[in-house]
């Protein structure tokens, strides 16, 4: 697979899923799309794992990981 950003790969995966859900493809086309979708899903999973590893490194202090819940701050309060 060529080097893509996570967002590009996710968009491509969404397109593959949409084509498969439409049911307008032949069996052979569906198999090719399914294979492409599996490849894209694996690529996205690897990118997410890499991002999680980077985040864990950034959160590490004194050899211990700081695990804190992710909270979105509300603006205007």
PDB file of N, CA and C in Angstrom:
ATOM      1  N   UNK A   1       0.858  -1.184   0.000  1.00  0.00           N
ATOM      2  CA  UNK A   1       0.000   0.000   0.000  1.00  0.00           C
ATOM      3  C   UNK A   1       0.894   1.234   0.000  1.00  0.00           C
ATOM      4  N   UNK A   2       0.520   2.196  -0.787  1.00  0.00           N
ATOM      5  CA  UNK A   2       1.271   3.445  -0.814  1.00  0.00           C
ATOM      6  C   UNK A   2       1.093   4.158   0.523  1.00  0.00           C
ATOM      7  N   UNK A   3       1.995   5.052   0.807  1.00  0.00           N
ATOM      8  CA  UNK A   3       1.910   5.779   2.066  1.00  0.00           C
ATOM      9  C   UNK A   3       0.737   6.755   2.004  1.00  0.00           C
ATOM     10  N   UNK A   4      -0.194   6.562   2.913  1.00  0.00           N
ATOM     11  CA  UNK A   4      -1.369   7.427   3.013  1.00  0.00           C
ATOM     12  C   UNK A   4      -1.468   7.915   4.439  1.00  0.00           C
ATOM     13  N   UNK A   5      -2.156   9.003   4.585  1.00  0.00           N
ATOM     14  CA  UNK A   5      -2.451   9.440   5.942  1.00  0.00           C
ATOM     15  C   UNK A   5      -3.569   8.552   6.486  1.00  0.00           C
ATOM     16  N   UNK A   6      -3.708   8.556   7.786  1.00  0.00           N
ATOM     17  CA  UNK A   6      -4.789   7.793   8.407  1.00  0.00           C
ATOM     18  C   UNK A   6      -6.135   8.230   7.845  1.00  0.00           C
ATOM     19  N   UNK A   7      -6.298   9.535   7.707  1.00  0.00           N
ATOM     20  CA  UNK A   7      -7.580  10.074   7.234  1.00  0.00           C
ATOM     21  C   UNK A   7      -7.883   9.627   5.797  1.00  0.00           C
ATOM     22  N   UNK A   8      -6.869   9.606   4.944  1.00  0.00           N
ATOM     23  CA  UNK A   8      -7.062   9.159   3.566  1.00  0.00           C
ATOM     24  C   UNK A   8      -7.449   7.674   3.524  1.00  0.00           C
ATOM     25  N   UNK A   9      -6.748   6.876   4.320  1.00  0.00           N
ATOM     26  CA  UNK A   9      -7.038   5.442   4.356  1.00  0.00           C
ATOM     27  C   UNK A   9      -8.433   5.185   4.906  1.00  0.00           C
ATOM     28  N   UNK A  10      -8.832   5.930   5.925  1.00  0.00           N
ATOM     29  CA  UNK A  10     -10.165   5.766   6.503  1.00  0.00           C
ATOM     30  C   UNK A  10     -11.241   6.144   5.491  1.00  0.00           C
ATOM     31  N   UNK A  11     -11.027   7.220   4.753  1.00  0.00           N
ATOM     32  CA  UNK A  11     -11.989   7.639   3.717  1.00  0.00           C
ATOM     33  C   UNK A  11     -12.091   6.561   2.647  1.00  0.00           C
ATOM     34  N   UNK A  12     -10.949   6.018   2.222  1.00  0.00           N
ATOM     35  CA  UNK A  12     -10.960   4.948   1.222  1.00  0.00           C
ATOM     36  C   UNK A  12     -11.715   3.731   1.747  1.00  0.00           C
ATOM     37  N   UNK A  13     -11.513   3.405   3.025  1.00  0.00           N
ATOM     38  CA  UNK A  13     -12.217   2.279   3.629  1.00  0.00           C
ATOM     39  C   UNK A  13     -13.724   2.531   3.651  1.00  0.00           C
ATOM     40  N   UNK A  14     -14.112   3.747   3.995  1.00  0.00           N
ATOM     41  CA  UNK A  14     -15.542   4.090   3.983  1.00  0.00           C
ATOM     42  C   UNK A  14     -16.128   3.939   2.582  1.00  0.00           C
ATOM     43  N   UNK A  15     -15.366   4.332   1.560  1.00  0.00           N
ATOM     44  CA  UNK A  15     -15.823   4.193   0.172  1.00  0.00           C
ATOM     45  C   UNK A  15     -16.003   2.725  -0.205  1.00  0.00           C
ATOM     46  N   UNK A  16     -15.060   1.885   0.215  1.00  0.00           N
ATOM     47  CA  UNK A  16     -15.145   0.450  -0.076  1.00  0.00           C
ATOM     48  C   UNK A  16     -16.391  -0.135   0.581  1.00  0.00           C
ATOM     49  N   UNK A  17     -16.607   0.209   1.834  1.00  0.00           N
ATOM     50  CA  UNK A  17     -17.774  -0.306   2.559  1.00  0.00           C
ATOM     51  C   UNK A  17     -19.067   0.132   1.871  1.00  0.00           C
ATOM     52  N   UNK A  18     -19.118   1.384   1.436  1.00  0.00           N
ATOM     53  CA  UNK A  18     -20.316   1.885   0.763  1.00  0.00           C
ATOM     54  C   UNK A  18     -20.589   1.107  -0.528  1.00  0.00           C
ATOM     55  N   UNK A  19     -19.538   0.856  -1.305  1.00  0.00           N
ATOM     56  CA  UNK A  19     -19.703   0.101  -2.554  1.00  0.00           C
ATOM     57  C   UNK A  19     -20.194  -1.311  -2.272  1.00  0.00           C
ATOM     58  N   UNK A  20     -19.646  -1.938  -1.237  1.00  0.00           N
ATOM     59  CA  UNK A  20     -20.086  -3.293  -0.892  1.00  0.00           C
ATOM     60  C   UNK A  20     -21.533  -3.294  -0.391  1.00  0.00           C
ATOM     61  N   UNK A  21     -21.900  -2.289   0.378  1.00  0.00           N
ATOM     62  CA  UNK A  21     -23.267  -2.208   0.892  1.00  0.00           C
ATOM     63  C   UNK A  21     -24.280  -1.936  -0.201  1.00  0.00           C
ATOM     64  N   UNK A  22     -23.860  -1.222  -1.244  1.00  0.00           N
ATOM     65  CA  UNK A  22     -24.773  -0.926  -2.353  1.00  0.00           C
ATOM     66  C   UNK A  22     -25.214  -2.193  -3.074  1.00  0.00           C
ATOM     67  N   UNK A  23     -24.366  -3.220  -3.070  1.00  0.00           N
ATOM     68  CA  UNK A  23     -24.720  -4.488  -3.693  1.00  0.00           C
ATOM     69  C   UNK A  23     -24.755  -4.444  -5.208  1.00  0.00           C
ATOM     70  N   UNK A  24     -24.104  -3.476  -5.808  1.00  0.00           N
ATOM     71  CA  UNK A  24     -24.124  -3.302  -7.261  1.00  0.00           C
ATOM     72  C   UNK A  24     -22.917  -3.944  -7.952  1.00  0.00           C
ATOM     73  N   UNK A  25     -22.043  -4.599  -7.190  1.00  0.00           N
ATOM     74  CA  UNK A  25     -20.830  -5.150  -7.765  1.00  0.00           C
ATOM     75  C   UNK A  25     -20.970  -6.647  -8.009  1.00  0.00           C
ATOM     76  N   UNK A  26     -20.162  -7.139  -8.941  1.00  0.00           N
ATOM     77  CA  UNK A  26     -20.139  -8.580  -9.198  1.00  0.00           C
ATOM     78  C   UNK A  26     -19.413  -9.269  -8.055  1.00  0.00           C
ATOM     79  N   UNK A  27     -19.482 -10.578  -8.037  1.00  0.00           N
ATOM     80  CA  UNK A  27     -18.799 -11.340  -7.004  1.00  0.00           C
ATOM     81  C   UNK A  27     -17.296 -11.072  -7.038  1.00  0.00           C
ATOM     82  N   UNK A  28     -16.730 -11.069  -8.231  1.00  0.00           N
ATOM     83  CA  UNK A  28     -15.287 -10.830  -8.359  1.00  0.00           C
ATOM     84  C   UNK A  28     -14.911  -9.433  -7.874  1.00  0.00           C
ATOM     85  N   UNK A  29     -15.706  -8.429  -8.253  1.00  0.00           N
ATOM     86  CA  UNK A  29     -15.450  -7.067  -7.800  1.00  0.00           C
ATOM     87  C   UNK A  29     -15.591  -6.962  -6.280  1.00  0.00           C
ATOM     88  N   UNK A  30     -16.599  -7.646  -5.747  1.00  0.00           N
ATOM     89  CA  UNK A  30     -16.822  -7.634  -4.304  1.00  0.00           C
ATOM     90  C   UNK A  30     -15.644  -8.244  -3.560  1.00  0.00           C
ATOM     91  N   UNK A  31     -15.098  -9.332  -4.088  1.00  0.00           N
ATOM     92  CA  UNK A  31     -13.946  -9.960  -3.448  1.00  0.00           C
ATOM     93  C   UNK A  31     -12.732  -9.042  -3.468  1.00  0.00           C
ATOM     94  N   UNK A  32     -12.521  -8.342  -4.581  1.00  0.00           N
ATOM     95  CA  UNK A  32     -11.412  -7.395  -4.670  1.00  0.00           C
ATOM     96  C   UNK A  32     -11.615  -6.242  -3.687  1.00  0.00           C
ATOM     97  N   UNK A  33     -12.833  -5.744  -3.617  1.00  0.00           N
ATOM     98  CA  UNK A  33     -13.136  -4.661  -2.685  1.00  0.00           C
ATOM     99  C   UNK A  33     -12.952  -5.112  -1.238  1.00  0.00           C
ATOM    100  N   UNK A  34     -13.400  -6.343  -0.948  1.00  0.00           N
ATOM    101  CA  UNK A  34     -13.252  -6.868   0.403  1.00  0.00           C
ATOM    102  C   UNK A  34     -11.778  -6.973   0.775  1.00  0.00           C
ATOM    103  N   UNK A  35     -10.965  -7.480  -0.148  1.00  0.00           N
ATOM    104  CA  UNK A  35      -9.530  -7.589   0.091  1.00  0.00           C
ATOM    105  C   UNK A  35      -8.916  -6.210   0.330  1.00  0.00           C
ATOM    106  N   UNK A  36      -9.320  -5.249  -0.472  1.00  0.00           N
ATOM    107  CA  UNK A  36      -8.830  -3.874  -0.307  1.00  0.00           C
ATOM    108  C   UNK A  36      -9.265  -3.325   1.051  1.00  0.00           C
ATOM    109  N   UNK A  37     -10.507  -3.597   1.441  1.00  0.00           N
ATOM    110  CA  UNK A  37     -11.021  -3.122   2.719  1.00  0.00           C
ATOM    111  C   UNK A  37     -10.268  -3.706   3.900  1.00  0.00           C
ATOM    112  N   UNK A  38      -9.956  -4.994   3.829  1.00  0.00           N
ATOM    113  CA  UNK A  38      -9.191  -5.634   4.905  1.00  0.00           C
ATOM    114  C   UNK A  38      -7.819  -4.989   5.018  1.00  0.00           C
ATOM    115  N   UNK A  39      -7.180  -4.753   3.873  1.00  0.00           N
ATOM    116  CA  UNK A  39      -5.867  -4.114   3.865  1.00  0.00           C
ATOM    117  C   UNK A  39      -5.934  -2.711   4.467  1.00  0.00           C
ATOM    118  N   UNK A  40      -6.935  -1.945   4.093  1.00  0.00           N
ATOM    119  CA  UNK A  40      -7.101  -0.594   4.628  1.00  0.00           C
ATOM    120  C   UNK A  40      -7.390  -0.607   6.127  1.00  0.00           C
ATOM    121  N   UNK A  41      -8.213  -1.553   6.568  1.00  0.00           N
ATOM    122  CA  UNK A  41      -8.542  -1.658   7.990  1.00  0.00           C
ATOM    123  C   UNK A  41      -7.287  -1.992   8.801  1.00  0.00           C
ATOM    124  N   UNK A  42      -6.457  -2.894   8.287  1.00  0.00           N
ATOM    125  CA  UNK A  42      -5.203  -3.233   8.974  1.00  0.00           C
ATOM    126  C   UNK A  42      -4.279  -2.023   9.030  1.00  0.00           C
ATOM    127  N   UNK A  43      -4.180  -1.305   7.921  1.00  0.00           N
ATOM    128  CA  UNK A  43      -3.338  -0.105   7.869  1.00  0.00           C
ATOM    129  C   UNK A  43      -3.798   0.911   8.914  1.00  0.00           C
ATOM    130  N   UNK A  44      -5.105   1.135   8.994  1.00  0.00           N
ATOM    131  CA  UNK A  44      -5.644   2.082   9.977  1.00  0.00           C
ATOM    132  C   UNK A  44      -5.367   1.611  11.403  1.00  0.00           C
ATOM    133  N   UNK A  45      -5.504   0.311  11.649  1.00  0.00           N
ATOM    134  CA  UNK A  45      -5.242  -0.234  12.983  1.00  0.00           C
ATOM    135  C   UNK A  45      -3.784  -0.023  13.375  1.00  0.00           C
ATOM    136  N   UNK A  46      -2.862  -0.234  12.434  1.00  0.00           N
ATOM    137  CA  UNK A  46      -1.439  -0.021  12.710  1.00  0.00           C
ATOM    138  C   UNK A  46      -1.184   1.450  13.029  1.00  0.00           C
ATOM    139  N   UNK A  47      -1.778   2.351  12.245  1.00  0.00           N
ATOM    140  CA  UNK A  47      -1.597   3.784  12.493  1.00  0.00           C
ATOM    141  C   UNK A  47      -2.130   4.177  13.870  1.00  0.00           C
ATOM    142  N   UNK A  48      -3.270   3.623  14.262  1.00  0.00           N
ATOM    143  CA  UNK A  48      -3.821   3.920  15.586  1.00  0.00           C
ATOM    144  C   UNK A  48      -2.916   3.379  16.688  1.00  0.00           C
ATOM    145  N   UNK A  49      -2.387   2.166  16.495  1.00  0.00           N
ATOM    146  CA  UNK A  49      -1.468   1.589  17.482  1.00  0.00           C
ATOM    147  C   UNK A  49      -0.203   2.438  17.613  1.00  0.00           C
ATOM    148  N   UNK A  50       0.321   2.910  16.472  1.00  0.00           N
ATOM    149  CA  UNK A  50       1.511   3.765  16.501  1.00  0.00           C
ATOM    150  C   UNK A  50       1.226   5.060  17.252  1.00  0.00           C
ATOM    151  N   UNK A  51       0.062   5.621  17.021  1.00  0.00           N
ATOM    152  CA  UNK A  51      -0.309   6.871  17.705  1.00  0.00           C
ATOM    153  C   UNK A  51      -0.454   6.649  19.205  1.00  0.00           C
ATOM    154  N   UNK A  52      -1.066   5.533  19.577  1.00  0.00           N
ATOM    155  CA  UNK A  52      -1.215   5.225  21.001  1.00  0.00           C
ATOM    156  C   UNK A  52       0.149   5.065  21.657  1.00  0.00           C
ATOM    157  N   UNK A  53       1.088   4.407  20.993  1.00  0.00           N
ATOM    158  CA  UNK A  53       2.425   4.227  21.543  1.00  0.00           C
ATOM    159  C   UNK A  53       3.122   5.576  21.742  1.00  0.00           C
ATOM    160  N   UNK A  54       2.965   6.480  20.783  1.00  0.00           N
ATOM    161  CA  UNK A  54       3.567   7.808  20.905  1.00  0.00           C
ATOM    162  C   UNK A  54       2.959   8.575  22.074  1.00  0.00           C
ATOM    163  N   UNK A  55       1.657   8.481  22.221  1.00  0.00           N
ATOM    164  CA  UNK A  55       0.976   9.169  23.323  1.00  0.00           C
ATOM    165  C   UNK A  55       1.452   8.618  24.654  1.00  0.00           C
ATOM    166  N   UNK A  56       1.570   7.281  24.742  1.00  0.00           N
ATOM    167  CA  UNK A  56       2.044   6.668  25.985  1.00  0.00           C
ATOM    168  C   UNK A  56       3.445   7.144  26.333  1.00  0.00           C
ATOM    169  N   UNK A  57       4.313   7.291  25.341  1.00  0.00           N
ATOM    170  CA  UNK A  57       5.655   7.800  25.601  1.00  0.00           C
ATOM    171  C   UNK A  57       5.611   9.225  26.133  1.00  0.00           C
ATOM    172  N   UNK A  58       4.718  10.014  25.596  1.00  0.00           N
ATOM    173  CA  UNK A  58       4.604  11.400  26.042  1.00  0.00           C
ATOM    174  C   UNK A  58       4.030  11.501  27.455  1.00  0.00           C
ATOM    175  N   UNK A  59       3.232  10.526  27.842  1.00  0.00           N
ATOM    176  CA  UNK A  59       2.597  10.570  29.157  1.00  0.00           C
ATOM    177  C   UNK A  59       3.421   9.889  30.241  1.00  0.00           C
ATOM    178  N   UNK A  60       4.519   9.249  29.863  1.00  0.00           N
ATOM    179  CA  UNK A  60       5.318   8.516  30.826  1.00  0.00           C
ATOM    180  C   UNK A  60       6.118   9.474  31.711  1.00  0.00           C
ATOM    181  N   UNK A  61       6.046   9.244  33.012  1.00  0.00           N
ATOM    182  CA  UNK A  61       6.816  10.042  33.982  1.00  0.00           C
ATOM    183  C   UNK A  61       7.414   9.085  34.998  1.00  0.00           C
ATOM    184  N   UNK A  62       8.698   9.230  35.242  1.00  0.00           N
ATOM    185  CA  UNK A  62       9.388   8.405  36.232  1.00  0.00           C
ATOM    186  C   UNK A  62       9.150   6.908  36.010  1.00  0.00           C
ATOM    187  N   UNK A  63       9.140   6.502  34.756  1.00  0.00           N
ATOM    188  CA  UNK A  63       8.950   5.092  34.455  1.00  0.00           C
ATOM    189  C   UNK A  63       7.532   4.596  34.633  1.00  0.00           C
ATOM    190  N   UNK A  64       6.608   5.467  34.947  1.00  0.00           N
ATOM    191  CA  UNK A  64       5.208   5.095  35.158  1.00  0.00           C
ATOM    192  C   UNK A  64       4.333   5.823  34.135  1.00  0.00           C
ATOM    193  N   UNK A  65       3.360   5.116  33.621  1.00  0.00           N
ATOM    194  CA  UNK A  65       2.408   5.757  32.715  1.00  0.00           C
ATOM    195  C   UNK A  65       1.333   6.445  33.534  1.00  0.00           C
ATOM    196  N   UNK A  66       1.027   7.652  33.145  1.00  0.00           N
ATOM    197  CA  UNK A  66      -0.073   8.383  33.765  1.00  0.00           C
ATOM    198  C   UNK A  66      -1.318   8.129  32.926  1.00  0.00           C
ATOM    199  N   UNK A  67      -2.213   7.376  33.455  1.00  0.00           N
ATOM    200  CA  UNK A  67      -3.450   7.086  32.726  1.00  0.00           C
ATOM    201  C   UNK A  67      -4.541   7.973  33.292  1.00  0.00           C
ATOM    202  N   UNK A  68      -4.981   8.885  32.480  1.00  0.00           N
ATOM    203  CA  UNK A  68      -6.017   9.815  32.893  1.00  0.00           C
ATOM    204  C   UNK A  68      -7.143   9.753  31.880  1.00  0.00           C
ATOM    205  N   UNK A  69      -8.371   9.860  32.328  1.00  0.00           N
ATOM    206  CA  UNK A  69      -9.486   9.854  31.380  1.00  0.00           C
ATOM    207  C   UNK A  69      -9.424  11.082  30.474  1.00  0.00           C
ATOM    208  N   UNK A  70      -9.783  10.875  29.243  1.00  0.00           N
ATOM    209  CA  UNK A  70      -9.807  11.967  28.277  1.00  0.00           C
ATOM    210  C   UNK A  70     -11.108  12.721  28.456  1.00  0.00           C
ATOM    211  N   UNK A  71     -10.992  14.005  28.709  1.00  0.00           N
ATOM    212  CA  UNK A  71     -12.183  14.834  28.888  1.00  0.00           C
ATOM    213  C   UNK A  71     -12.085  16.027  27.960  1.00  0.00           C
ATOM    214  N   UNK A  72     -13.185  16.328  27.320  1.00  0.00           N
ATOM    215  CA  UNK A  72     -13.253  17.479  26.442  1.00  0.00           C
ATOM    216  C   UNK A  72     -13.750  18.668  27.244  1.00  0.00           C
ATOM    217  N   UNK A  73     -12.974  19.720  27.204  1.00  0.00           N
ATOM    218  CA  UNK A  73     -13.371  20.934  27.924  1.00  0.00           C
ATOM    219  C   UNK A  73     -14.458  21.646  27.154  1.00  0.00           C
ATOM    220  N   UNK A  74     -15.500  22.023  27.846  1.00  0.00           N
ATOM    221  CA  UNK A  74     -16.577  22.751  27.206  1.00  0.00           C
ATOM    222  C   UNK A  74     -16.238  24.229  27.199  1.00  0.00           C
ATOM    223  N   UNK A  75     -16.418  24.863  26.055  1.00  0.00           N
ATOM    224  CA  UNK A  75     -16.137  26.292  25.950  1.00  0.00           C
ATOM    225  C   UNK A  75     -17.343  27.079  26.422  1.00  0.00           C
ATOM    226  N   UNK A  76     -17.046  28.207  27.043  1.00  0.00           N
ATOM    227  CA  UNK A  76     -18.132  29.093  27.455  1.00  0.00           C
ATOM    228  C   UNK A  76     -18.627  28.847  28.864  1.00  0.00           C
ATOM    229  N   UNK A  77     -18.060  27.887  29.572  1.00  0.00           N
ATOM    230  CA  UNK A  77     -18.464  27.614  30.962  1.00  0.00           C
ATOM    231  C   UNK A  77     -17.397  28.001  31.912  1.00  0.00           C
TER     232      UNK A  77
END
